[in-house]
Amino acid sequence: MGKILCFISDDFADFEITLALHKIRNVGKKEVLSVGYSYESVVSESGLTYQPDLVLKEAVKLNDIEGLIIPGGPIVNQKQDLTDLINHLDREEKMLAAICHGPQYLGRAGILDHCKFTTSCSVERISKLNVEDPFPRDNYVDKRVVRAYHYC
């Protein structure tokens, strides 16, 4: 049985992934595992507490990962462990999916440099936050969903 990983961190938007993960697990018959920076519990936007099943350094060593789902949340700094996992899965041509502000992590890992993408995080929002824009805006598509294939 292949594994689908879901990255969780403080203030992640848990409401964005519940139906998708339910279908992946119960219809797709895939094992769903949460993965975090550490084993410390995180609190989502909804206020629920989640405990990661794995840490990123362990996840990168698994050989039966079929994909990674990254829900949205605040624009935050990214640790190298997440970038390493994203790039590892990209090299193996595994599914990388990100929702809402989630593509920020793919952008910082360089994945969006060669793929069309969408995000709900506007240039104006980034400007108000006074942070570096993690999105290569030349590849931005103004659509609700963008499906890109490996090395678009």
N, C-alpha and C. Protein backbone atom coordinates (compact mmCIF):
# COMPACT_ATOMS: atom_id res chain seq x y z
N MET A 1 0.84 -1.18 0.00
CA MET A 1 0.00 0.00 0.00
C MET A 1 0.88 1.23 0.00
N GLY A 2 0.67 2.12 -0.95
CA GLY A 2 1.43 3.36 -1.01
C GLY A 2 1.00 4.33 0.07
N LYS A 3 1.88 5.25 0.36
CA LYS A 3 1.62 6.23 1.41
C LYS A 3 1.46 7.63 0.80
N ILE A 4 0.49 8.34 1.32
CA ILE A 4 0.31 9.75 1.00
C ILE A 4 0.63 10.52 2.27
N LEU A 5 1.56 11.44 2.17
CA LEU A 5 1.95 12.26 3.31
C LEU A 5 1.19 13.58 3.30
N CYS A 6 0.90 14.08 4.47
CA CYS A 6 0.28 15.39 4.61
C CYS A 6 1.12 16.20 5.59
N PHE A 7 1.68 17.29 5.12
CA PHE A 7 2.51 18.15 5.96
C PHE A 7 1.62 18.97 6.90
N ILE A 8 1.95 18.91 8.18
CA ILE A 8 1.21 19.71 9.16
C ILE A 8 2.18 20.58 9.96
N SER A 9 1.77 21.79 10.22
CA SER A 9 2.56 22.73 11.01
C SER A 9 1.59 23.67 11.72
N ASP A 10 2.09 24.45 12.65
CA ASP A 10 1.22 25.35 13.40
C ASP A 10 0.36 26.21 12.46
N ASP A 11 -0.90 26.31 12.80
CA ASP A 11 -1.88 27.13 12.09
C ASP A 11 -2.20 26.64 10.68
N PHE A 12 -1.89 25.37 10.36
CA PHE A 12 -2.25 24.86 9.03
C PHE A 12 -3.77 24.80 8.91
N ALA A 13 -4.26 24.90 7.69
CA ALA A 13 -5.70 24.94 7.43
C ALA A 13 -6.24 23.51 7.30
N ASP A 14 -6.54 22.91 8.43
CA ASP A 14 -6.98 21.51 8.43
C ASP A 14 -8.29 21.31 7.66
N PHE A 15 -9.15 22.30 7.62
CA PHE A 15 -10.41 22.17 6.91
C PHE A 15 -10.21 21.95 5.41
N GLU A 16 -9.07 22.34 4.88
CA GLU A 16 -8.83 22.22 3.44
C GLU A 16 -8.52 20.78 3.00
N ILE A 17 -8.16 19.93 3.93
CA ILE A 17 -7.68 18.60 3.54
C ILE A 17 -8.54 17.43 4.01
N THR A 18 -9.51 17.67 4.87
CA THR A 18 -10.21 16.55 5.48
C THR A 18 -10.95 15.68 4.46
N LEU A 19 -11.69 16.25 3.55
CA LEU A 19 -12.43 15.45 2.58
C LEU A 19 -11.47 14.72 1.63
N ALA A 20 -10.45 15.41 1.16
CA ALA A 20 -9.49 14.78 0.26
C ALA A 20 -8.80 13.59 0.93
N LEU A 21 -8.37 13.76 2.17
CA LEU A 21 -7.70 12.67 2.87
C LEU A 21 -8.66 11.52 3.17
N HIS A 22 -9.90 11.84 3.47
CA HIS A 22 -10.92 10.81 3.68
C HIS A 22 -11.06 9.94 2.41
N LYS A 23 -11.17 10.59 1.27
CA LYS A 23 -11.33 9.86 0.00
C LYS A 23 -10.06 9.08 -0.35
N ILE A 24 -8.91 9.66 -0.14
CA ILE A 24 -7.65 8.97 -0.43
C ILE A 24 -7.54 7.69 0.40
N ARG A 25 -7.90 7.79 1.66
CA ARG A 25 -7.78 6.64 2.57
C ARG A 25 -8.87 5.60 2.32
N ASN A 26 -10.13 6.03 2.22
CA ASN A 26 -11.23 5.08 2.19
C ASN A 26 -11.63 4.62 0.80
N VAL A 27 -11.45 5.44 -0.19
CA VAL A 27 -11.77 5.05 -1.56
C VAL A 27 -10.50 4.60 -2.28
N GLY A 28 -9.45 5.40 -2.15
CA GLY A 28 -8.19 5.08 -2.82
C GLY A 28 -7.37 4.01 -2.12
N LYS A 29 -7.76 3.68 -0.88
CA LYS A 29 -7.08 2.63 -0.10
C LYS A 29 -5.59 2.91 0.08
N LYS A 30 -5.24 4.16 0.28
CA LYS A 30 -3.86 4.56 0.55
C LYS A 30 -3.68 4.83 2.03
N GLU A 31 -2.51 4.60 2.53
CA GLU A 31 -2.19 4.96 3.90
C GLU A 31 -1.88 6.45 3.94
N VAL A 32 -2.51 7.16 4.85
CA VAL A 32 -2.31 8.60 5.00
C VAL A 32 -1.53 8.83 6.29
N LEU A 33 -0.42 9.55 6.19
CA LEU A 33 0.42 9.85 7.35
C LEU A 33 0.65 11.35 7.43
N SER A 34 0.57 11.87 8.65
CA SER A 34 0.92 13.28 8.83
C SER A 34 2.42 13.37 9.10
N VAL A 35 3.02 14.41 8.58
CA VAL A 35 4.46 14.61 8.72
C VAL A 35 4.71 16.05 9.14
N GLY A 36 5.62 16.22 10.10
CA GLY A 36 5.91 17.55 10.62
C GLY A 36 7.39 17.77 10.80
N TYR A 37 7.73 18.96 11.23
CA TYR A 37 9.13 19.28 11.49
C TYR A 37 9.66 18.50 12.69
N SER A 38 8.78 18.21 13.66
CA SER A 38 9.16 17.46 14.85
C SER A 38 7.95 16.63 15.27
N TYR A 39 8.11 15.87 16.34
CA TYR A 39 7.00 15.10 16.88
C TYR A 39 6.11 15.94 17.80
N GLU A 40 6.45 17.19 17.99
CA GLU A 40 5.63 18.05 18.84
C GLU A 40 4.27 18.28 18.18
N SER A 41 3.25 18.31 19.00
CA SER A 41 1.91 18.57 18.50
C SER A 41 1.83 19.97 17.90
N VAL A 42 0.96 20.12 16.92
CA VAL A 42 0.71 21.43 16.31
C VAL A 42 -0.78 21.74 16.46
N VAL A 43 -1.09 23.01 16.49
CA VAL A 43 -2.48 23.45 16.58
C VAL A 43 -2.86 24.07 15.25
N SER A 44 -3.94 23.57 14.66
CA SER A 44 -4.39 24.04 13.35
C SER A 44 -5.16 25.35 13.46
N GLU A 45 -5.54 25.89 12.31
CA GLU A 45 -6.35 27.12 12.28
C GLU A 45 -7.66 26.93 13.03
N SER A 46 -8.21 25.71 12.99
CA SER A 46 -9.48 25.46 13.66
C SER A 46 -9.35 25.33 15.17
N GLY A 47 -8.11 25.23 15.66
CA GLY A 47 -7.88 25.09 17.08
C GLY A 47 -7.68 23.65 17.53
N LEU A 48 -7.80 22.70 16.61
CA LEU A 48 -7.56 21.30 16.97
C LEU A 48 -6.07 21.02 17.04
N THR A 49 -5.70 20.08 17.89
CA THR A 49 -4.31 19.70 18.07
C THR A 49 -4.04 18.41 17.30
N TYR A 50 -2.93 18.40 16.57
CA TYR A 50 -2.53 17.24 15.76
C TYR A 50 -1.13 16.81 16.15
N GLN A 51 -0.91 15.50 16.15
CA GLN A 51 0.40 14.91 16.45
C GLN A 51 0.94 14.29 15.17
N PRO A 52 2.08 14.74 14.67
CA PRO A 52 2.64 14.14 13.45
C PRO A 52 2.96 12.66 13.64
N ASP A 53 2.72 11.87 12.59
CA ASP A 53 3.09 10.45 12.59
C ASP A 53 4.58 10.28 12.37
N LEU A 54 5.15 11.17 11.56
CA LEU A 54 6.56 11.11 11.18
C LEU A 54 7.16 12.49 11.20
N VAL A 55 8.47 12.54 11.27
CA VAL A 55 9.16 13.81 11.03
C VAL A 55 9.71 13.76 9.61
N LEU A 56 9.97 14.92 9.06
CA LEU A 56 10.39 15.02 7.66
C LEU A 56 11.65 14.21 7.36
N LYS A 57 12.60 14.19 8.27
CA LYS A 57 13.84 13.44 8.05
C LYS A 57 13.59 11.95 7.92
N GLU A 58 12.56 11.45 8.59
CA GLU A 58 12.19 10.03 8.45
C GLU A 58 11.44 9.78 7.15
N ALA A 59 10.56 10.69 6.82
CA ALA A 59 9.72 10.53 5.64
C ALA A 59 10.55 10.44 4.36
N VAL A 60 11.61 11.21 4.28
CA VAL A 60 12.43 11.21 3.07
C VAL A 60 13.09 9.85 2.83
N LYS A 61 13.19 9.02 3.86
CA LYS A 61 13.81 7.70 3.75
C LYS A 61 12.84 6.60 3.34
N LEU A 62 11.54 6.89 3.35
CA LEU A 62 10.54 5.88 2.97
C LEU A 62 10.62 5.63 1.47
N ASN A 63 10.36 4.40 1.06
CA ASN A 63 10.44 4.09 -0.37
C ASN A 63 9.07 3.87 -1.00
N ASP A 64 7.99 4.00 -0.25
CA ASP A 64 6.67 3.76 -0.82
C ASP A 64 5.76 4.98 -0.74
N ILE A 65 6.35 6.15 -0.77
CA ILE A 65 5.57 7.39 -0.78
C ILE A 65 5.05 7.62 -2.20
N GLU A 66 3.77 7.88 -2.31
CA GLU A 66 3.18 8.19 -3.61
C GLU A 66 2.95 9.68 -3.80
N GLY A 67 2.92 10.43 -2.70
CA GLY A 67 2.71 11.85 -2.85
C GLY A 67 2.70 12.60 -1.53
N LEU A 68 2.68 13.91 -1.67
CA LEU A 68 2.68 14.82 -0.54
C LEU A 68 1.60 15.87 -0.77
N ILE A 69 0.77 16.07 0.25
CA ILE A 69 -0.25 17.12 0.21
C ILE A 69 0.14 18.18 1.23
N ILE A 70 0.11 19.43 0.79
CA ILE A 70 0.45 20.54 1.68
C ILE A 70 -0.76 21.47 1.77
N PRO A 71 -1.42 21.50 2.93
CA PRO A 71 -2.54 22.43 3.08
C PRO A 71 -2.04 23.86 3.26
N GLY A 72 -2.96 24.78 3.16
CA GLY A 72 -2.62 26.17 3.35
C GLY A 72 -2.41 26.51 4.81
N GLY A 73 -2.22 27.76 5.05
CA GLY A 73 -1.94 28.30 6.38
C GLY A 73 -1.25 29.63 6.19
N PRO A 74 -0.65 30.14 7.23
CA PRO A 74 0.02 31.44 7.11
C PRO A 74 1.29 31.36 6.26
N ILE A 75 1.71 32.51 5.76
CA ILE A 75 3.00 32.60 5.07
C ILE A 75 4.06 32.59 6.17
N VAL A 76 4.88 31.54 6.17
CA VAL A 76 5.87 31.35 7.24
C VAL A 76 7.20 30.91 6.64
N ASN A 77 8.24 30.98 7.45
CA ASN A 77 9.54 30.49 7.02
C ASN A 77 9.50 28.98 6.82
N GLN A 78 10.41 28.51 6.03
CA GLN A 78 10.48 27.10 5.68
C GLN A 78 11.81 26.51 6.14
N LYS A 79 11.75 25.34 6.73
CA LYS A 79 12.97 24.66 7.15
C LYS A 79 13.49 23.77 6.03
N GLN A 80 14.78 23.55 6.03
CA GLN A 80 15.45 22.78 4.99
C GLN A 80 14.90 21.35 4.87
N ASP A 81 14.47 20.76 5.97
CA ASP A 81 13.94 19.39 5.93
C ASP A 81 12.74 19.28 4.99
N LEU A 82 11.88 20.29 4.98
CA LEU A 82 10.72 20.26 4.09
C LEU A 82 11.16 20.44 2.64
N THR A 83 12.07 21.36 2.41
CA THR A 83 12.60 21.55 1.06
C THR A 83 13.24 20.26 0.55
N ASP A 84 13.98 19.57 1.40
CA ASP A 84 14.63 18.31 1.01
C ASP A 84 13.59 17.26 0.60
N LEU A 85 12.51 17.12 1.39
CA LEU A 85 11.48 16.14 1.05
C LEU A 85 10.79 16.51 -0.26
N ILE A 86 10.44 17.76 -0.43
CA ILE A 86 9.78 18.19 -1.66
C ILE A 86 10.66 17.89 -2.87
N ASN A 87 11.92 18.27 -2.80
CA ASN A 87 12.83 18.02 -3.93
C ASN A 87 13.06 16.54 -4.18
N HIS A 88 13.13 15.75 -3.12
CA HIS A 88 13.28 14.30 -3.24
C HIS A 88 12.08 13.70 -3.99
N LEU A 89 10.87 14.09 -3.57
CA LEU A 89 9.67 13.57 -4.22
C LEU A 89 9.54 14.06 -5.66
N ASP A 90 9.95 15.28 -5.91
CA ASP A 90 9.92 15.81 -7.27
C ASP A 90 10.86 15.03 -8.18
N ARG A 91 12.07 14.73 -7.70
CA ARG A 91 13.02 13.94 -8.50
C ARG A 91 12.46 12.55 -8.81
N GLU A 92 11.68 12.00 -7.88
CA GLU A 92 11.09 10.68 -8.08
C GLU A 92 9.76 10.75 -8.83
N GLU A 93 9.38 11.94 -9.26
CA GLU A 93 8.16 12.19 -10.02
C GLU A 93 6.91 11.74 -9.26
N LYS A 94 6.90 12.02 -7.96
CA LYS A 94 5.74 11.73 -7.12
C LYS A 94 4.79 12.91 -7.13
N MET A 95 3.55 12.67 -6.72
CA MET A 95 2.55 13.72 -6.69
C MET A 95 2.91 14.75 -5.62
N LEU A 96 2.87 16.01 -6.00
CA LEU A 96 3.01 17.12 -5.07
C LEU A 96 1.76 17.97 -5.21
N ALA A 97 1.01 18.10 -4.13
CA ALA A 97 -0.23 18.88 -4.17
C ALA A 97 -0.20 19.91 -3.06
N ALA A 98 -0.64 21.13 -3.38
CA ALA A 98 -0.65 22.20 -2.38
C ALA A 98 -1.93 23.01 -2.56
N ILE A 99 -2.47 23.46 -1.44
CA ILE A 99 -3.76 24.15 -1.42
C ILE A 99 -3.57 25.55 -0.85
N CYS A 100 -4.27 26.52 -1.42
CA CYS A 100 -4.36 27.88 -0.89
C CYS A 100 -2.97 28.53 -0.77
N HIS A 101 -2.46 28.69 0.43
CA HIS A 101 -1.11 29.24 0.62
C HIS A 101 -0.04 28.15 0.62
N GLY A 102 -0.45 26.89 0.54
CA GLY A 102 0.49 25.77 0.55
C GLY A 102 1.55 25.81 -0.54
N PRO A 103 1.24 26.33 -1.73
CA PRO A 103 2.27 26.39 -2.76
C PRO A 103 3.51 27.21 -2.38
N GLN A 104 3.42 27.99 -1.30
CA GLN A 104 4.60 28.75 -0.87
C GLN A 104 5.80 27.82 -0.67
N TYR A 105 5.55 26.64 -0.13
CA TYR A 105 6.63 25.69 0.16
C TYR A 105 7.22 25.13 -1.14
N LEU A 106 6.35 24.86 -2.11
CA LEU A 106 6.83 24.39 -3.42
C LEU A 106 7.63 25.50 -4.11
N GLY A 107 7.18 26.74 -3.94
CA GLY A 107 7.89 27.87 -4.53
C GLY A 107 9.29 28.03 -3.96
N ARG A 108 9.41 27.95 -2.65
CA ARG A 108 10.72 28.08 -2.02
C ARG A 108 11.65 26.92 -2.36
N ALA A 109 11.05 25.75 -2.67
CA ALA A 109 11.85 24.58 -3.04
C ALA A 109 12.25 24.61 -4.52
N GLY A 110 11.75 25.60 -5.26
CA GLY A 110 12.10 25.74 -6.67
C GLY A 110 11.21 24.97 -7.62
N ILE A 111 10.23 24.26 -7.12
CA ILE A 111 9.36 23.44 -7.97
C ILE A 111 8.52 24.31 -8.91
N LEU A 112 8.06 25.44 -8.43
CA LEU A 112 7.18 26.29 -9.23
C LEU A 112 7.93 27.08 -10.30
N ASP A 113 9.24 26.99 -10.30
CA ASP A 113 10.02 27.65 -11.34
C ASP A 113 9.77 27.02 -12.71
N HIS A 114 9.30 25.77 -12.71
CA HIS A 114 9.08 25.07 -13.98
C HIS A 114 7.66 24.54 -14.11
N CYS A 115 6.72 25.03 -13.29
CA CYS A 115 5.34 24.57 -13.35
C CYS A 115 4.36 25.73 -13.20
N LYS A 116 3.25 25.61 -13.90
CA LYS A 116 2.15 26.53 -13.68
C LYS A 116 1.54 26.22 -12.33
N PHE A 117 1.02 27.22 -11.64
CA PHE A 117 0.43 27.01 -10.32
C PHE A 117 -0.60 28.10 -10.05
N THR A 118 -1.38 27.88 -9.03
CA THR A 118 -2.28 28.91 -8.53
C THR A 118 -2.13 28.99 -7.01
N THR A 119 -2.55 30.10 -6.46
CA THR A 119 -2.54 30.31 -5.01
C THR A 119 -3.55 31.40 -4.70
N SER A 120 -4.05 31.37 -3.49
CA SER A 120 -4.95 32.45 -3.07
C SER A 120 -4.16 33.60 -2.45
N CYS A 121 -2.86 33.49 -2.43
CA CYS A 121 -2.01 34.53 -1.83
C CYS A 121 -1.58 35.53 -2.90
N SER A 122 -2.19 36.67 -2.89
CA SER A 122 -1.95 37.69 -3.90
C SER A 122 -0.65 38.45 -3.65
N VAL A 123 -0.21 39.15 -4.67
CA VAL A 123 0.95 40.03 -4.56
C VAL A 123 0.68 41.10 -3.50
N GLU A 124 -0.56 41.60 -3.48
CA GLU A 124 -0.94 42.62 -2.51
C GLU A 124 -0.82 42.08 -1.07
N ARG A 125 -1.24 40.84 -0.87
CA ARG A 125 -1.16 40.22 0.46
C ARG A 125 0.30 40.09 0.90
N ILE A 126 1.16 39.66 -0.01
CA ILE A 126 2.59 39.53 0.30
C ILE A 126 3.15 40.90 0.66
N SER A 127 2.76 41.92 -0.08
CA SER A 127 3.23 43.28 0.18
C SER A 127 2.81 43.75 1.58
N LYS A 128 1.56 43.46 1.96
CA LYS A 128 1.08 43.85 3.29
C LYS A 128 1.83 43.11 4.40
N LEU A 129 2.22 41.87 4.13
CA LEU A 129 2.96 41.09 5.12
C LEU A 129 4.41 41.52 5.22
N ASN A 130 4.87 42.26 4.20
CA ASN A 130 6.25 42.74 4.14
C ASN A 130 7.26 41.58 4.23
N VAL A 131 6.99 40.53 3.43
CA VAL A 131 7.88 39.37 3.35
C VAL A 131 8.27 39.14 1.89
N GLU A 132 9.31 38.36 1.69
CA GLU A 132 9.74 38.02 0.34
C GLU A 132 8.68 37.11 -0.30
N ASP A 133 8.31 37.41 -1.53
CA ASP A 133 7.30 36.63 -2.24
C ASP A 133 7.87 35.26 -2.59
N PRO A 134 7.29 34.15 -2.07
CA PRO A 134 7.80 32.82 -2.37
C PRO A 134 7.35 32.28 -3.72
N PHE A 135 6.51 33.04 -4.41
CA PHE A 135 5.91 32.56 -5.65
C PHE A 135 6.56 33.17 -6.88
N PRO A 136 6.99 32.33 -7.84
CA PRO A 136 7.47 32.87 -9.12
C PRO A 136 6.26 33.30 -9.95
N ARG A 137 5.91 34.53 -9.89
CA ARG A 137 4.64 35.03 -10.46
C ARG A 137 4.51 34.83 -11.96
N ASP A 138 5.61 34.63 -12.68
CA ASP A 138 5.53 34.39 -14.13
C ASP A 138 4.77 33.10 -14.44
N ASN A 139 4.76 32.15 -13.52
CA ASN A 139 4.09 30.86 -13.73
C ASN A 139 2.72 30.79 -13.06
N TYR A 140 2.27 31.90 -12.47
CA TYR A 140 0.97 31.95 -11.81
C TYR A 140 -0.15 31.91 -12.84
N VAL A 141 -1.19 31.13 -12.54
CA VAL A 141 -2.38 31.03 -13.37
C VAL A 141 -3.57 31.41 -12.49
N ASP A 142 -4.39 32.33 -12.95
CA ASP A 142 -5.54 32.79 -12.17
C ASP A 142 -6.72 31.84 -12.37
N LYS A 143 -6.63 30.68 -11.73
CA LYS A 143 -7.68 29.67 -11.76
C LYS A 143 -7.83 29.09 -10.37
N ARG A 144 -8.96 28.42 -10.13
CA ARG A 144 -9.19 27.80 -8.83
C ARG A 144 -8.31 26.57 -8.65
N VAL A 145 -8.07 25.83 -9.73
CA VAL A 145 -7.27 24.61 -9.67
C VAL A 145 -6.34 24.58 -10.88
N VAL A 146 -5.11 24.20 -10.65
CA VAL A 146 -4.15 24.00 -11.74
C VAL A 146 -3.56 22.61 -11.55
N ARG A 147 -3.63 21.83 -12.61
CA ARG A 147 -3.02 20.49 -12.57
C ARG A 147 -1.82 20.54 -13.50
N ALA A 148 -0.68 20.34 -12.92
CA ALA A 148 0.56 20.37 -13.69
C ALA A 148 1.21 19.00 -13.61
N TYR A 149 1.94 18.66 -14.61
CA TYR A 149 2.62 17.38 -14.64
C TYR A 149 4.11 17.61 -14.43
N HIS A 150 4.80 16.57 -14.04
CA HIS A 150 6.22 16.67 -13.73
C HIS A 150 6.97 17.39 -14.84
N TYR A 151 7.78 18.32 -14.44
CA TYR A 151 8.58 19.14 -15.34
C TYR A 151 7.74 19.73 -16.46
N CYS A 152 6.67 20.37 -16.03
CA CYS A 152 5.70 21.01 -16.92
C CYS A 152 6.40 21.66 -18.05
